[in-house]
Amino acid sequence: MRDAYHEELDSLTDKLVEMTRLVRSAISRATTALLDADLQLAESVISRDEVVNAVFDDIETSIFDLMARQQPVAVDLRMVITGLRMATNLERMGDLAVHVAKVARLRHPDSAIPPEMRSTIVEMGQIAENLVTKAGSCVASRDVESAMELDQDDDAMDRLHRRLFKDILAKEWQHGVEPAIDITLIGRYYERYADHAVHVAESVVYMVTGSRPADRV
């Protein structure tokens, strides 16, 4: 019985890692759709969010079942509680990728991104991918030190987010109100995506140590 129990806990970890892979793919494809005004790719991001939601539902059901049947304690209890928290953050990351794709769809056949801002969006997309990849590795390995690095890694995304606002508010801005709104929303989506990746890493720290990252500084 205990072997089966721990197999279920291992399966929970595997499902969380799979979610990180799915939402990484989603933000990667959404970024490409946004930059290239690729309607088909944008639609695929939107439709495949159902896969992310299905994995989330599976994790949620598994966790409630484990708690009811096994009544986990100590590290195992932290595993199931933080597992649900991580899954929730990852599901929201999938939603944010969908939001990016919907902006691409809305502005098709044009790109929502002015030429001078493309490099910033490319970099934001790359940082988002790197953060969720690292978060997934931390979930799989339970590497506390790497998990604690994500908050600092997120600083690069915050700098780019501020740069977008600076560009929009500059007197040289000539693209009007609608593109400014698009850029504001897109920047927020990437910034929030990165924040959720950090929250996943913080949950890893709590799961392993029983304390929050701020308590360990």
N, C-alpha and C. Protein backbone atom coordinates (compact mmCIF):
# COMPACT_ATOMS: atom_id res chain seq x y z
N MET A 1 0.82 -1.20 0.00
CA MET A 1 0.00 0.00 0.00
C MET A 1 0.87 1.26 0.00
N ARG A 2 1.94 1.26 0.82
CA ARG A 2 2.78 2.44 0.88
C ARG A 2 3.51 2.65 -0.44
N ASP A 3 3.92 1.55 -1.10
CA ASP A 3 4.58 1.70 -2.40
C ASP A 3 3.63 2.34 -3.41
N ALA A 4 2.39 1.90 -3.41
CA ALA A 4 1.40 2.48 -4.32
C ALA A 4 1.17 3.95 -3.99
N TYR A 5 1.18 4.27 -2.71
CA TYR A 5 0.99 5.65 -2.27
C TYR A 5 2.10 6.55 -2.81
N HIS A 6 3.33 6.10 -2.66
CA HIS A 6 4.45 6.91 -3.12
C HIS A 6 4.54 6.95 -4.65
N GLU A 7 4.04 5.93 -5.29
CA GLU A 7 3.94 5.98 -6.75
C GLU A 7 2.96 7.08 -7.17
N GLU A 8 1.89 7.24 -6.41
CA GLU A 8 0.92 8.29 -6.70
C GLU A 8 1.55 9.67 -6.49
N LEU A 9 2.36 9.81 -5.45
CA LEU A 9 3.05 11.08 -5.22
C LEU A 9 4.03 11.37 -6.36
N ASP A 10 4.75 10.35 -6.80
CA ASP A 10 5.68 10.52 -7.93
C ASP A 10 4.92 10.90 -9.19
N SER A 11 3.74 10.29 -9.38
CA SER A 11 2.92 10.61 -10.54
C SER A 11 2.46 12.06 -10.51
N LEU A 12 2.19 12.56 -9.32
CA LEU A 12 1.81 13.96 -9.17
C LEU A 12 2.94 14.88 -9.64
N THR A 13 4.16 14.55 -9.25
CA THR A 13 5.31 15.33 -9.70
C THR A 13 5.44 15.29 -11.21
N ASP A 14 5.27 14.10 -11.78
CA ASP A 14 5.37 13.95 -13.24
C ASP A 14 4.33 14.82 -13.96
N LYS A 15 3.14 14.86 -13.41
CA LYS A 15 2.07 15.65 -14.03
C LYS A 15 2.37 17.15 -13.95
N LEU A 16 2.95 17.57 -12.84
CA LEU A 16 3.33 18.98 -12.70
C LEU A 16 4.41 19.36 -13.70
N VAL A 17 5.39 18.47 -13.85
CA VAL A 17 6.45 18.73 -14.83
C VAL A 17 5.87 18.79 -16.24
N GLU A 18 4.92 17.91 -16.52
CA GLU A 18 4.26 17.93 -17.83
C GLU A 18 3.53 19.26 -18.04
N MET A 19 2.91 19.79 -17.00
CA MET A 19 2.26 21.09 -17.13
C MET A 19 3.26 22.18 -17.47
N THR A 20 4.45 22.14 -16.85
CA THR A 20 5.46 23.15 -17.17
C THR A 20 5.85 23.07 -18.64
N ARG A 21 5.92 21.86 -19.18
CA ARG A 21 6.27 21.69 -20.60
C ARG A 21 5.17 22.25 -21.49
N LEU A 22 3.93 21.99 -21.11
CA LEU A 22 2.81 22.46 -21.91
C LEU A 22 2.72 23.98 -21.94
N VAL A 23 2.89 24.61 -20.77
CA VAL A 23 2.76 26.07 -20.75
C VAL A 23 4.00 26.75 -21.32
N ARG A 24 5.14 26.05 -21.31
CA ARG A 24 6.31 26.59 -22.00
C ARG A 24 6.07 26.60 -23.50
N SER A 25 5.55 25.51 -24.03
CA SER A 25 5.22 25.45 -25.45
C SER A 25 4.19 26.51 -25.81
N ALA A 26 3.22 26.70 -24.93
CA ALA A 26 2.15 27.67 -25.21
C ALA A 26 2.70 29.09 -25.32
N ILE A 27 3.56 29.50 -24.39
CA ILE A 27 4.07 30.87 -24.45
C ILE A 27 5.03 31.03 -25.61
N SER A 28 5.77 29.99 -25.95
CA SER A 28 6.67 30.06 -27.10
C SER A 28 5.88 30.26 -28.39
N ARG A 29 4.84 29.46 -28.57
CA ARG A 29 4.03 29.56 -29.79
C ARG A 29 3.22 30.85 -29.82
N ALA A 30 2.77 31.30 -28.66
CA ALA A 30 2.02 32.56 -28.61
C ALA A 30 2.90 33.74 -28.99
N THR A 31 4.14 33.71 -28.54
CA THR A 31 5.08 34.79 -28.89
C THR A 31 5.33 34.82 -30.39
N THR A 32 5.53 33.67 -30.98
CA THR A 32 5.74 33.60 -32.43
C THR A 32 4.51 34.08 -33.18
N ALA A 33 3.34 33.66 -32.73
CA ALA A 33 2.10 34.09 -33.37
C ALA A 33 1.94 35.61 -33.29
N LEU A 34 2.31 36.16 -32.15
CA LEU A 34 2.21 37.60 -31.94
C LEU A 34 3.14 38.37 -32.87
N LEU A 35 4.38 37.92 -32.95
CA LEU A 35 5.38 38.63 -33.75
C LEU A 35 5.16 38.45 -35.25
N ASP A 36 4.70 37.26 -35.65
CA ASP A 36 4.55 36.95 -37.07
C ASP A 36 3.14 37.12 -37.60
N ALA A 37 2.22 37.55 -36.72
CA ALA A 37 0.81 37.65 -37.10
C ALA A 37 0.31 36.34 -37.70
N ASP A 38 0.65 35.24 -37.02
CA ASP A 38 0.33 33.90 -37.50
C ASP A 38 -1.00 33.46 -36.88
N LEU A 39 -2.06 33.59 -37.64
CA LEU A 39 -3.39 33.29 -37.12
C LEU A 39 -3.55 31.81 -36.77
N GLN A 40 -3.06 30.93 -37.61
CA GLN A 40 -3.21 29.50 -37.36
C GLN A 40 -2.50 29.10 -36.08
N LEU A 41 -1.31 29.66 -35.86
CA LEU A 41 -0.57 29.34 -34.65
C LEU A 41 -1.28 29.90 -33.42
N ALA A 42 -1.80 31.09 -33.54
CA ALA A 42 -2.54 31.69 -32.42
C ALA A 42 -3.75 30.82 -32.05
N GLU A 43 -4.47 30.36 -33.06
CA GLU A 43 -5.63 29.50 -32.81
C GLU A 43 -5.23 28.20 -32.14
N SER A 44 -4.06 27.67 -32.51
CA SER A 44 -3.62 26.41 -31.90
C SER A 44 -3.29 26.59 -30.42
N VAL A 45 -2.73 27.74 -30.07
CA VAL A 45 -2.45 28.02 -28.65
C VAL A 45 -3.76 28.08 -27.88
N ILE A 46 -4.73 28.76 -28.44
CA ILE A 46 -6.03 28.92 -27.77
C ILE A 46 -6.72 27.57 -27.60
N SER A 47 -6.75 26.77 -28.66
CA SER A 47 -7.46 25.49 -28.59
C SER A 47 -6.76 24.48 -27.69
N ARG A 48 -5.43 24.49 -27.69
CA ARG A 48 -4.69 23.49 -26.90
C ARG A 48 -4.65 23.83 -25.41
N ASP A 49 -5.22 24.95 -25.03
CA ASP A 49 -5.30 25.23 -23.59
C ASP A 49 -6.18 24.21 -22.89
N GLU A 50 -7.04 23.55 -23.65
CA GLU A 50 -7.86 22.48 -23.08
C GLU A 50 -7.00 21.35 -22.52
N VAL A 51 -5.85 21.11 -23.14
CA VAL A 51 -4.94 20.07 -22.66
C VAL A 51 -4.37 20.45 -21.30
N VAL A 52 -3.97 21.71 -21.16
CA VAL A 52 -3.46 22.20 -19.87
C VAL A 52 -4.54 22.07 -18.81
N ASN A 53 -5.74 22.47 -19.15
CA ASN A 53 -6.84 22.40 -18.18
C ASN A 53 -7.15 20.96 -17.79
N ALA A 54 -7.02 20.04 -18.73
CA ALA A 54 -7.29 18.63 -18.44
C ALA A 54 -6.26 18.07 -17.46
N VAL A 55 -4.99 18.44 -17.64
CA VAL A 55 -3.96 17.99 -16.71
C VAL A 55 -4.20 18.59 -15.33
N PHE A 56 -4.57 19.86 -15.31
CA PHE A 56 -4.89 20.50 -14.02
C PHE A 56 -6.02 19.76 -13.32
N ASP A 57 -7.09 19.45 -14.04
CA ASP A 57 -8.21 18.73 -13.45
C ASP A 57 -7.79 17.37 -12.91
N ASP A 58 -6.91 16.70 -13.65
CA ASP A 58 -6.40 15.39 -13.23
C ASP A 58 -5.61 15.52 -11.94
N ILE A 59 -4.75 16.55 -11.86
CA ILE A 59 -3.96 16.77 -10.66
C ILE A 59 -4.87 17.08 -9.47
N GLU A 60 -5.83 17.95 -9.68
CA GLU A 60 -6.74 18.33 -8.60
C GLU A 60 -7.50 17.12 -8.08
N THR A 61 -8.01 16.29 -8.98
CA THR A 61 -8.73 15.09 -8.58
C THR A 61 -7.82 14.13 -7.81
N SER A 62 -6.59 13.96 -8.31
CA SER A 62 -5.64 13.06 -7.66
C SER A 62 -5.30 13.54 -6.25
N ILE A 63 -5.13 14.86 -6.09
CA ILE A 63 -4.79 15.40 -4.77
C ILE A 63 -5.92 15.22 -3.78
N PHE A 64 -7.13 15.52 -4.19
CA PHE A 64 -8.26 15.35 -3.28
C PHE A 64 -8.44 13.88 -2.90
N ASP A 65 -8.20 13.00 -3.85
CA ASP A 65 -8.31 11.57 -3.59
C ASP A 65 -7.23 11.10 -2.61
N LEU A 66 -6.01 11.59 -2.81
CA LEU A 66 -4.90 11.23 -1.91
C LEU A 66 -5.17 11.70 -0.49
N MET A 67 -5.66 12.91 -0.37
CA MET A 67 -5.91 13.45 0.97
C MET A 67 -7.02 12.68 1.67
N ALA A 68 -8.02 12.27 0.90
CA ALA A 68 -9.13 11.53 1.50
C ALA A 68 -8.73 10.13 1.92
N ARG A 69 -7.93 9.46 1.08
CA ARG A 69 -7.60 8.06 1.32
C ARG A 69 -6.39 7.87 2.23
N GLN A 70 -5.38 8.73 2.08
CA GLN A 70 -4.10 8.49 2.73
C GLN A 70 -3.83 9.40 3.93
N GLN A 71 -4.55 10.52 4.00
CA GLN A 71 -4.34 11.48 5.08
C GLN A 71 -2.85 11.77 5.29
N PRO A 72 -2.19 12.31 4.28
CA PRO A 72 -0.73 12.54 4.36
C PRO A 72 -0.36 13.53 5.46
N VAL A 73 0.87 13.36 5.97
CA VAL A 73 1.38 14.25 7.02
C VAL A 73 2.79 14.68 6.63
N ALA A 74 3.30 15.69 7.36
CA ALA A 74 4.67 16.17 7.21
C ALA A 74 5.01 16.50 5.76
N VAL A 75 6.11 15.94 5.25
CA VAL A 75 6.56 16.26 3.89
C VAL A 75 5.52 15.88 2.85
N ASP A 76 4.88 14.73 3.04
CA ASP A 76 3.88 14.29 2.07
C ASP A 76 2.70 15.25 2.03
N LEU A 77 2.30 15.79 3.18
CA LEU A 77 1.21 16.75 3.21
C LEU A 77 1.61 18.03 2.49
N ARG A 78 2.84 18.47 2.72
CA ARG A 78 3.32 19.65 2.01
C ARG A 78 3.35 19.39 0.51
N MET A 79 3.67 18.17 0.12
CA MET A 79 3.74 17.83 -1.30
C MET A 79 2.37 18.00 -1.96
N VAL A 80 1.33 17.48 -1.33
CA VAL A 80 0.02 17.55 -1.97
C VAL A 80 -0.55 18.96 -1.93
N ILE A 81 -0.31 19.68 -0.84
CA ILE A 81 -0.82 21.05 -0.74
C ILE A 81 -0.12 21.96 -1.75
N THR A 82 1.21 21.88 -1.79
CA THR A 82 1.95 22.72 -2.74
C THR A 82 1.75 22.24 -4.17
N GLY A 83 1.46 20.95 -4.34
CA GLY A 83 1.18 20.44 -5.68
C GLY A 83 -0.04 21.12 -6.27
N LEU A 84 -1.08 21.29 -5.47
CA LEU A 84 -2.28 21.98 -5.95
C LEU A 84 -1.98 23.45 -6.22
N ARG A 85 -1.17 24.05 -5.37
CA ARG A 85 -0.80 25.45 -5.57
C ARG A 85 0.00 25.62 -6.86
N MET A 86 0.95 24.73 -7.09
CA MET A 86 1.76 24.80 -8.30
C MET A 86 0.90 24.59 -9.54
N ALA A 87 0.00 23.63 -9.47
CA ALA A 87 -0.86 23.36 -10.62
C ALA A 87 -1.73 24.57 -10.94
N THR A 88 -2.20 25.26 -9.91
CA THR A 88 -3.02 26.45 -10.11
C THR A 88 -2.21 27.54 -10.80
N ASN A 89 -0.97 27.74 -10.36
CA ASN A 89 -0.11 28.74 -11.00
C ASN A 89 0.17 28.38 -12.45
N LEU A 90 0.41 27.11 -12.71
CA LEU A 90 0.71 26.68 -14.07
C LEU A 90 -0.52 26.81 -14.98
N GLU A 91 -1.70 26.52 -14.43
CA GLU A 91 -2.91 26.68 -15.23
C GLU A 91 -3.12 28.14 -15.61
N ARG A 92 -2.80 29.03 -14.70
CA ARG A 92 -2.92 30.46 -15.00
C ARG A 92 -1.87 30.90 -16.03
N MET A 93 -0.72 30.28 -15.99
CA MET A 93 0.30 30.58 -17.00
C MET A 93 -0.19 30.20 -18.39
N GLY A 94 -0.88 29.06 -18.46
CA GLY A 94 -1.48 28.67 -19.73
C GLY A 94 -2.50 29.68 -20.20
N ASP A 95 -3.30 30.21 -19.27
CA ASP A 95 -4.30 31.22 -19.62
C ASP A 95 -3.63 32.49 -20.14
N LEU A 96 -2.51 32.87 -19.54
CA LEU A 96 -1.80 34.07 -19.97
C LEU A 96 -1.23 33.91 -21.37
N ALA A 97 -0.75 32.73 -21.69
CA ALA A 97 -0.28 32.46 -23.05
C ALA A 97 -1.45 32.59 -24.04
N VAL A 98 -2.62 32.13 -23.63
CA VAL A 98 -3.82 32.27 -24.46
C VAL A 98 -4.15 33.74 -24.67
N HIS A 99 -4.01 34.55 -23.63
CA HIS A 99 -4.28 35.99 -23.77
C HIS A 99 -3.36 36.62 -24.82
N VAL A 100 -2.08 36.23 -24.80
CA VAL A 100 -1.13 36.74 -25.79
C VAL A 100 -1.59 36.32 -27.19
N ALA A 101 -1.97 35.06 -27.33
CA ALA A 101 -2.41 34.55 -28.63
C ALA A 101 -3.67 35.27 -29.10
N LYS A 102 -4.54 35.63 -28.19
CA LYS A 102 -5.78 36.32 -28.58
C LYS A 102 -5.51 37.73 -29.09
N VAL A 103 -4.47 38.38 -28.56
CA VAL A 103 -4.09 39.68 -29.11
C VAL A 103 -3.60 39.51 -30.54
N ALA A 104 -2.79 38.46 -30.76
CA ALA A 104 -2.31 38.17 -32.12
C ALA A 104 -3.49 37.93 -33.06
N ARG A 105 -4.47 37.18 -32.60
CA ARG A 105 -5.66 36.89 -33.42
C ARG A 105 -6.47 38.15 -33.69
N LEU A 106 -6.59 39.00 -32.69
CA LEU A 106 -7.39 40.22 -32.82
C LEU A 106 -6.82 41.15 -33.89
N ARG A 107 -5.49 41.24 -33.96
CA ARG A 107 -4.85 42.19 -34.87
C ARG A 107 -4.49 41.60 -36.23
N HIS A 108 -4.70 40.32 -36.40
CA HIS A 108 -4.44 39.69 -37.71
C HIS A 108 -5.26 40.39 -38.80
N PRO A 109 -4.69 40.65 -39.97
CA PRO A 109 -3.41 40.15 -40.50
C PRO A 109 -2.19 41.01 -40.15
N ASP A 110 -2.39 42.06 -39.35
CA ASP A 110 -1.26 42.88 -38.93
C ASP A 110 -0.64 42.31 -37.66
N SER A 111 0.57 42.71 -37.39
CA SER A 111 1.21 42.37 -36.12
C SER A 111 0.86 43.44 -35.10
N ALA A 112 0.58 43.02 -33.89
CA ALA A 112 0.27 43.97 -32.82
C ALA A 112 1.52 44.69 -32.31
N ILE A 113 2.70 44.23 -32.74
CA ILE A 113 3.94 44.74 -32.20
C ILE A 113 4.63 45.68 -33.21
N PRO A 114 4.80 46.97 -32.88
CA PRO A 114 5.55 47.87 -33.75
C PRO A 114 6.98 47.37 -33.95
N PRO A 115 7.56 47.63 -35.10
CA PRO A 115 8.90 47.09 -35.42
C PRO A 115 9.96 47.40 -34.36
N GLU A 116 9.93 48.61 -33.82
CA GLU A 116 10.97 49.00 -32.86
C GLU A 116 10.83 48.30 -31.50
N MET A 117 9.70 47.61 -31.29
CA MET A 117 9.49 46.93 -30.01
C MET A 117 9.61 45.41 -30.13
N ARG A 118 9.87 44.92 -31.31
CA ARG A 118 9.93 43.48 -31.52
C ARG A 118 11.02 42.82 -30.68
N SER A 119 12.19 43.45 -30.61
CA SER A 119 13.29 42.83 -29.87
C SER A 119 12.96 42.68 -28.39
N THR A 120 12.22 43.65 -27.84
CA THR A 120 11.83 43.57 -26.43
C THR A 120 10.87 42.40 -26.21
N ILE A 121 9.90 42.23 -27.10
CA ILE A 121 8.94 41.13 -26.97
C ILE A 121 9.63 39.78 -27.16
N VAL A 122 10.57 39.73 -28.11
CA VAL A 122 11.34 38.49 -28.29
C VAL A 122 12.05 38.12 -26.99
N GLU A 123 12.66 39.12 -26.37
CA GLU A 123 13.40 38.86 -25.12
C GLU A 123 12.46 38.46 -23.99
N MET A 124 11.31 39.10 -23.92
CA MET A 124 10.34 38.73 -22.88
C MET A 124 9.88 37.29 -23.06
N GLY A 125 9.65 36.90 -24.31
CA GLY A 125 9.26 35.52 -24.58
C GLY A 125 10.34 34.54 -24.17
N GLN A 126 11.59 34.88 -24.46
CA GLN A 126 12.70 34.00 -24.11
C GLN A 126 12.84 33.86 -22.60
N ILE A 127 12.71 34.97 -21.90
CA ILE A 127 12.81 34.93 -20.44
C ILE A 127 11.68 34.10 -19.85
N ALA A 128 10.48 34.27 -20.38
CA ALA A 128 9.34 33.48 -19.90
C ALA A 128 9.60 31.99 -20.07
N GLU A 129 10.12 31.62 -21.23
CA GLU A 129 10.44 30.21 -21.47
C GLU A 129 11.51 29.70 -20.52
N ASN A 130 12.54 30.50 -20.32
CA ASN A 130 13.64 30.09 -19.44
C ASN A 130 13.15 29.91 -18.00
N LEU A 131 12.29 30.82 -17.56
CA LEU A 131 11.79 30.74 -16.19
C LEU A 131 10.96 29.48 -15.96
N VAL A 132 10.06 29.18 -16.89
CA VAL A 132 9.22 28.00 -16.68
C VAL A 132 10.02 26.71 -16.86
N THR A 133 11.02 26.74 -17.72
CA THR A 133 11.89 25.56 -17.86
C THR A 133 12.64 25.30 -16.56
N LYS A 134 13.17 26.36 -15.97
CA LYS A 134 13.90 26.21 -14.71
C LYS A 134 12.96 25.80 -13.59
N ALA A 135 11.76 26.35 -13.59
CA ALA A 135 10.78 25.96 -12.57
C ALA A 135 10.45 24.48 -12.69
N GLY A 136 10.27 23.99 -13.92
CA GLY A 136 9.98 22.57 -14.13
C GLY A 136 11.11 21.69 -13.65
N SER A 137 12.34 22.12 -13.90
CA SER A 137 13.50 21.37 -13.42
C SER A 137 13.52 21.32 -11.90
N CYS A 138 13.16 22.43 -11.27
CA CYS A 138 13.14 22.47 -9.80
C CYS A 138 12.06 21.55 -9.24
N VAL A 139 10.91 21.50 -9.91
CA VAL A 139 9.84 20.60 -9.47
C VAL A 139 10.30 19.15 -9.55
N ALA A 140 10.97 18.81 -10.65
CA ALA A 140 11.42 17.43 -10.85
C ALA A 140 12.52 17.03 -9.89
N SER A 141 13.44 17.95 -9.63
CA SER A 141 14.63 17.62 -8.82
C SER A 141 14.51 18.02 -7.37
N ARG A 142 13.52 18.89 -7.07
CA ARG A 142 13.36 19.46 -5.73
C ARG A 142 14.63 20.20 -5.30
N ASP A 143 15.20 20.91 -6.23
CA ASP A 143 16.44 21.66 -6.01
C ASP A 143 16.10 23.02 -5.41
N VAL A 144 16.32 23.14 -4.11
CA VAL A 144 15.94 24.36 -3.39
C VAL A 144 16.78 25.55 -3.84
N GLU A 145 18.08 25.34 -4.02
CA GLU A 145 18.94 26.46 -4.38
C GLU A 145 18.56 27.05 -5.73
N SER A 146 18.31 26.19 -6.70
CA SER A 146 17.89 26.68 -8.01
C SER A 146 16.54 27.37 -7.93
N ALA A 147 15.65 26.80 -7.12
CA ALA A 147 14.32 27.39 -6.98
C ALA A 147 14.41 28.80 -6.40
N MET A 148 15.32 29.01 -5.49
CA MET A 148 15.45 30.33 -4.87
C MET A 148 16.06 31.35 -5.82
N GLU A 149 16.65 30.90 -6.91
CA GLU A 149 17.24 31.82 -7.88
C GLU A 149 16.19 32.47 -8.78
N LEU A 150 15.01 31.85 -8.88
CA LEU A 150 14.04 32.35 -9.86
C LEU A 150 13.55 33.76 -9.57
N ASP A 151 13.46 34.12 -8.31
CA ASP A 151 13.00 35.46 -7.98
C ASP A 151 13.96 36.50 -8.57
N GLN A 152 15.25 36.23 -8.48
CA GLN A 152 16.24 37.14 -9.06
C GLN A 152 16.21 37.07 -10.58
N ASP A 153 16.02 35.86 -11.12
CA ASP A 153 15.94 35.71 -12.58
C ASP A 153 14.79 36.54 -13.15
N ASP A 154 13.73 36.68 -12.36
CA ASP A 154 12.54 37.41 -12.79
C ASP A 154 12.81 38.91 -12.92
N ASP A 155 13.89 39.40 -12.33
CA ASP A 155 14.20 40.83 -12.41
C ASP A 155 14.35 41.29 -13.85
N ALA A 156 14.88 40.42 -14.70
CA ALA A 156 15.05 40.78 -16.12
C ALA A 156 13.71 41.03 -16.78
N MET A 157 12.71 40.22 -16.45
CA MET A 157 11.37 40.44 -17.00
C MET A 157 10.80 41.77 -16.51
N ASP A 158 11.00 42.06 -15.24
CA ASP A 158 10.48 43.32 -14.69
C ASP A 158 11.12 44.52 -15.38
N ARG A 159 12.41 44.43 -15.69
CA ARG A 159 13.09 45.54 -16.38
C ARG A 159 12.50 45.75 -17.78
N LEU A 160 12.23 44.66 -18.47
CA LEU A 160 11.65 44.78 -19.81
C LEU A 160 10.22 45.32 -19.74
N HIS A 161 9.49 44.91 -18.73
CA HIS A 161 8.13 45.42 -18.54
C HIS A 161 8.16 46.94 -18.36
N ARG A 162 9.09 47.43 -17.55
CA ARG A 162 9.21 48.87 -17.37
C ARG A 162 9.63 49.57 -18.66
N ARG A 163 10.47 48.90 -19.46
CA ARG A 163 10.92 49.48 -20.72
C ARG A 163 9.74 49.69 -21.67
N LEU A 164 8.80 48.74 -21.67
CA LEU A 164 7.63 48.90 -22.53
C LEU A 164 6.86 50.17 -22.18
N PHE A 165 6.65 50.41 -20.90
CA PHE A 165 5.93 51.60 -20.48
C PHE A 165 6.71 52.87 -20.87
N LYS A 166 8.00 52.81 -20.71
CA LYS A 166 8.83 53.96 -21.08
C LYS A 166 8.68 54.28 -22.56
N ASP A 167 8.67 53.23 -23.39
CA ASP A 167 8.53 53.43 -24.84
C ASP A 167 7.16 53.99 -25.20
N ILE A 168 6.13 53.46 -24.56
CA ILE A 168 4.77 53.91 -24.86
C ILE A 168 4.56 55.38 -24.48
N LEU A 169 5.16 55.77 -23.36
CA LEU A 169 4.96 57.13 -22.85
C LEU A 169 5.92 58.15 -23.46
N ALA A 170 6.88 57.67 -24.24
CA ALA A 170 7.86 58.59 -24.84
C ALA A 170 7.19 59.50 -25.87
N LYS A 171 7.70 60.70 -26.01
CA LYS A 171 7.11 61.65 -26.96
C LYS A 171 7.29 61.18 -28.40
N GLU A 172 8.22 60.23 -28.62
CA GLU A 172 8.44 59.70 -29.97
C GLU A 172 7.39 58.68 -30.40
N TRP A 173 6.54 58.25 -29.44
CA TRP A 173 5.53 57.24 -29.76
C TRP A 173 4.55 57.78 -30.81
N GLN A 174 4.42 57.08 -31.91
CA GLN A 174 3.60 57.57 -33.02
C GLN A 174 2.53 56.56 -33.46
N HIS A 175 2.27 55.55 -32.65
CA HIS A 175 1.39 54.47 -33.08
C HIS A 175 -0.04 54.59 -32.57
N GLY A 176 -0.32 55.60 -31.80
CA GLY A 176 -1.69 55.83 -31.36
C GLY A 176 -2.08 55.06 -30.10
N VAL A 177 -3.36 55.16 -29.76
CA VAL A 177 -3.86 54.61 -28.50
C VAL A 177 -4.02 53.09 -28.55
N GLU A 178 -4.59 52.58 -29.62
CA GLU A 178 -4.89 51.15 -29.69
C GLU A 178 -3.64 50.28 -29.54
N PRO A 179 -2.57 50.53 -30.29
CA PRO A 179 -1.35 49.76 -30.09
C PRO A 179 -0.76 49.93 -28.70
N ALA A 180 -0.91 51.13 -28.13
CA ALA A 180 -0.40 51.35 -26.77
C ALA A 180 -1.13 50.45 -25.78
N ILE A 181 -2.45 50.30 -25.96
CA ILE A 181 -3.23 49.42 -25.09
C ILE A 181 -2.79 47.96 -25.29
N ASP A 182 -2.61 47.57 -26.54
CA ASP A 182 -2.15 46.21 -26.83
C ASP A 182 -0.83 45.92 -26.12
N ILE A 183 0.13 46.84 -26.26
CA ILE A 183 1.45 46.64 -25.67
C ILE A 183 1.36 46.60 -24.15
N THR A 184 0.51 47.46 -23.59
CA THR A 184 0.33 47.46 -22.13
C THR A 184 -0.18 46.11 -21.65
N LEU A 185 -1.19 45.58 -22.34
CA LEU A 185 -1.75 44.28 -21.96
C LEU A 185 -0.74 43.15 -22.14
N ILE A 186 -0.07 43.16 -23.27
CA ILE A 186 0.91 42.11 -23.57
C ILE A 186 2.02 42.10 -22.52
N GLY A 187 2.51 43.29 -22.20
CA GLY A 187 3.57 43.37 -21.18
C GLY A 187 3.10 42.81 -19.85
N ARG A 188 1.87 43.11 -19.51
CA ARG A 188 1.30 42.59 -18.26
C ARG A 188 1.18 41.06 -18.30
N TYR A 189 0.79 40.53 -19.43
CA TYR A 189 0.66 39.07 -19.54
C TYR A 189 2.01 38.38 -19.32
N TYR A 190 3.05 38.88 -19.95
CA TYR A 190 4.38 38.29 -19.76
C TYR A 190 4.88 38.46 -18.33
N GLU A 191 4.64 39.63 -17.78
CA GLU A 191 5.10 39.89 -16.41
C GLU A 191 4.41 38.96 -15.42
N ARG A 192 3.11 38.75 -15.60
CA ARG A 192 2.37 37.87 -14.70
C ARG A 192 2.76 36.41 -14.93
N TYR A 193 2.99 36.04 -16.16
CA TYR A 193 3.47 34.68 -16.46
C TYR A 193 4.75 34.40 -15.68
N ALA A 194 5.68 35.34 -15.72
CA ALA A 194 6.94 35.17 -14.99
C ALA A 194 6.71 35.09 -13.49
N ASP A 195 5.81 35.91 -12.97
CA ASP A 195 5.51 35.88 -11.53
C ASP A 195 4.98 34.51 -11.11
N HIS A 196 4.12 33.93 -11.93
CA HIS A 196 3.59 32.60 -11.59
C HIS A 196 4.69 31.55 -11.60
N ALA A 197 5.65 31.67 -12.51
CA ALA A 197 6.78 30.74 -12.52
C ALA A 197 7.57 30.85 -11.22
N VAL A 198 7.75 32.07 -10.75
CA VAL A 198 8.43 32.29 -9.46
C VAL A 198 7.64 31.66 -8.33
N HIS A 199 6.33 31.79 -8.37
CA HIS A 199 5.49 31.19 -7.32
C HIS A 199 5.61 29.66 -7.31
N VAL A 200 5.73 29.07 -8.49
CA VAL A 200 5.95 27.62 -8.56
C VAL A 200 7.25 27.26 -7.84
N ALA A 201 8.30 28.02 -8.11
CA ALA A 201 9.60 27.76 -7.48
C ALA A 201 9.52 27.96 -5.97
N GLU A 202 8.79 28.98 -5.53
CA GLU A 202 8.62 29.21 -4.09
C GLU A 202 7.90 28.04 -3.43
N SER A 203 6.97 27.45 -4.14
CA SER A 203 6.27 26.28 -3.60
C SER A 203 7.21 25.09 -3.46
N VAL A 204 8.16 24.96 -4.38
CA VAL A 204 9.16 23.89 -4.26
C VAL A 204 9.97 24.08 -2.98
N VAL A 205 10.38 25.31 -2.72
CA VAL A 205 11.16 25.59 -1.50
C VAL A 205 10.36 25.21 -0.27
N TYR A 206 9.11 25.61 -0.24
CA TYR A 206 8.27 25.30 0.92
C TYR A 206 8.04 23.80 1.05
N MET A 207 7.83 23.14 -0.06
CA MET A 207 7.59 21.69 -0.04
C MET A 207 8.76 20.95 0.58
N VAL A 208 9.97 21.34 0.19
CA VAL A 208 11.16 20.62 0.64
C VAL A 208 11.56 21.00 2.06
N THR A 209 11.48 22.31 2.39
CA THR A 209 12.05 22.80 3.64
C THR A 209 11.04 23.07 4.74
N GLY A 210 9.77 23.30 4.32
CA GLY A 210 8.78 23.67 5.32
C GLY A 210 8.80 25.15 5.66
N SER A 211 9.66 25.92 5.00
CA SER A 211 9.71 27.37 5.22
C SER A 211 9.64 28.07 3.87
N ARG A 212 9.22 29.31 3.92
CA ARG A 212 9.10 30.10 2.69
C ARG A 212 10.45 30.72 2.35
N PRO A 213 10.68 30.99 1.04
CA PRO A 213 11.98 31.53 0.62
C PRO A 213 12.42 32.75 1.40
N ALA A 214 11.49 33.66 1.72
CA ALA A 214 11.85 34.88 2.45
C ALA A 214 12.40 34.55 3.82
N ASP A 215 11.97 33.44 4.41
CA ASP A 215 12.43 33.06 5.74
C ASP A 215 13.84 32.49 5.72
N ARG A 216 14.33 32.16 4.51
CA ARG A 216 15.64 31.51 4.39
C ARG A 216 16.74 32.48 3.97
N VAL A 217 16.35 33.72 3.66
CA VAL A 217 17.35 34.70 3.21
C VAL A 217 18.19 35.16 4.39
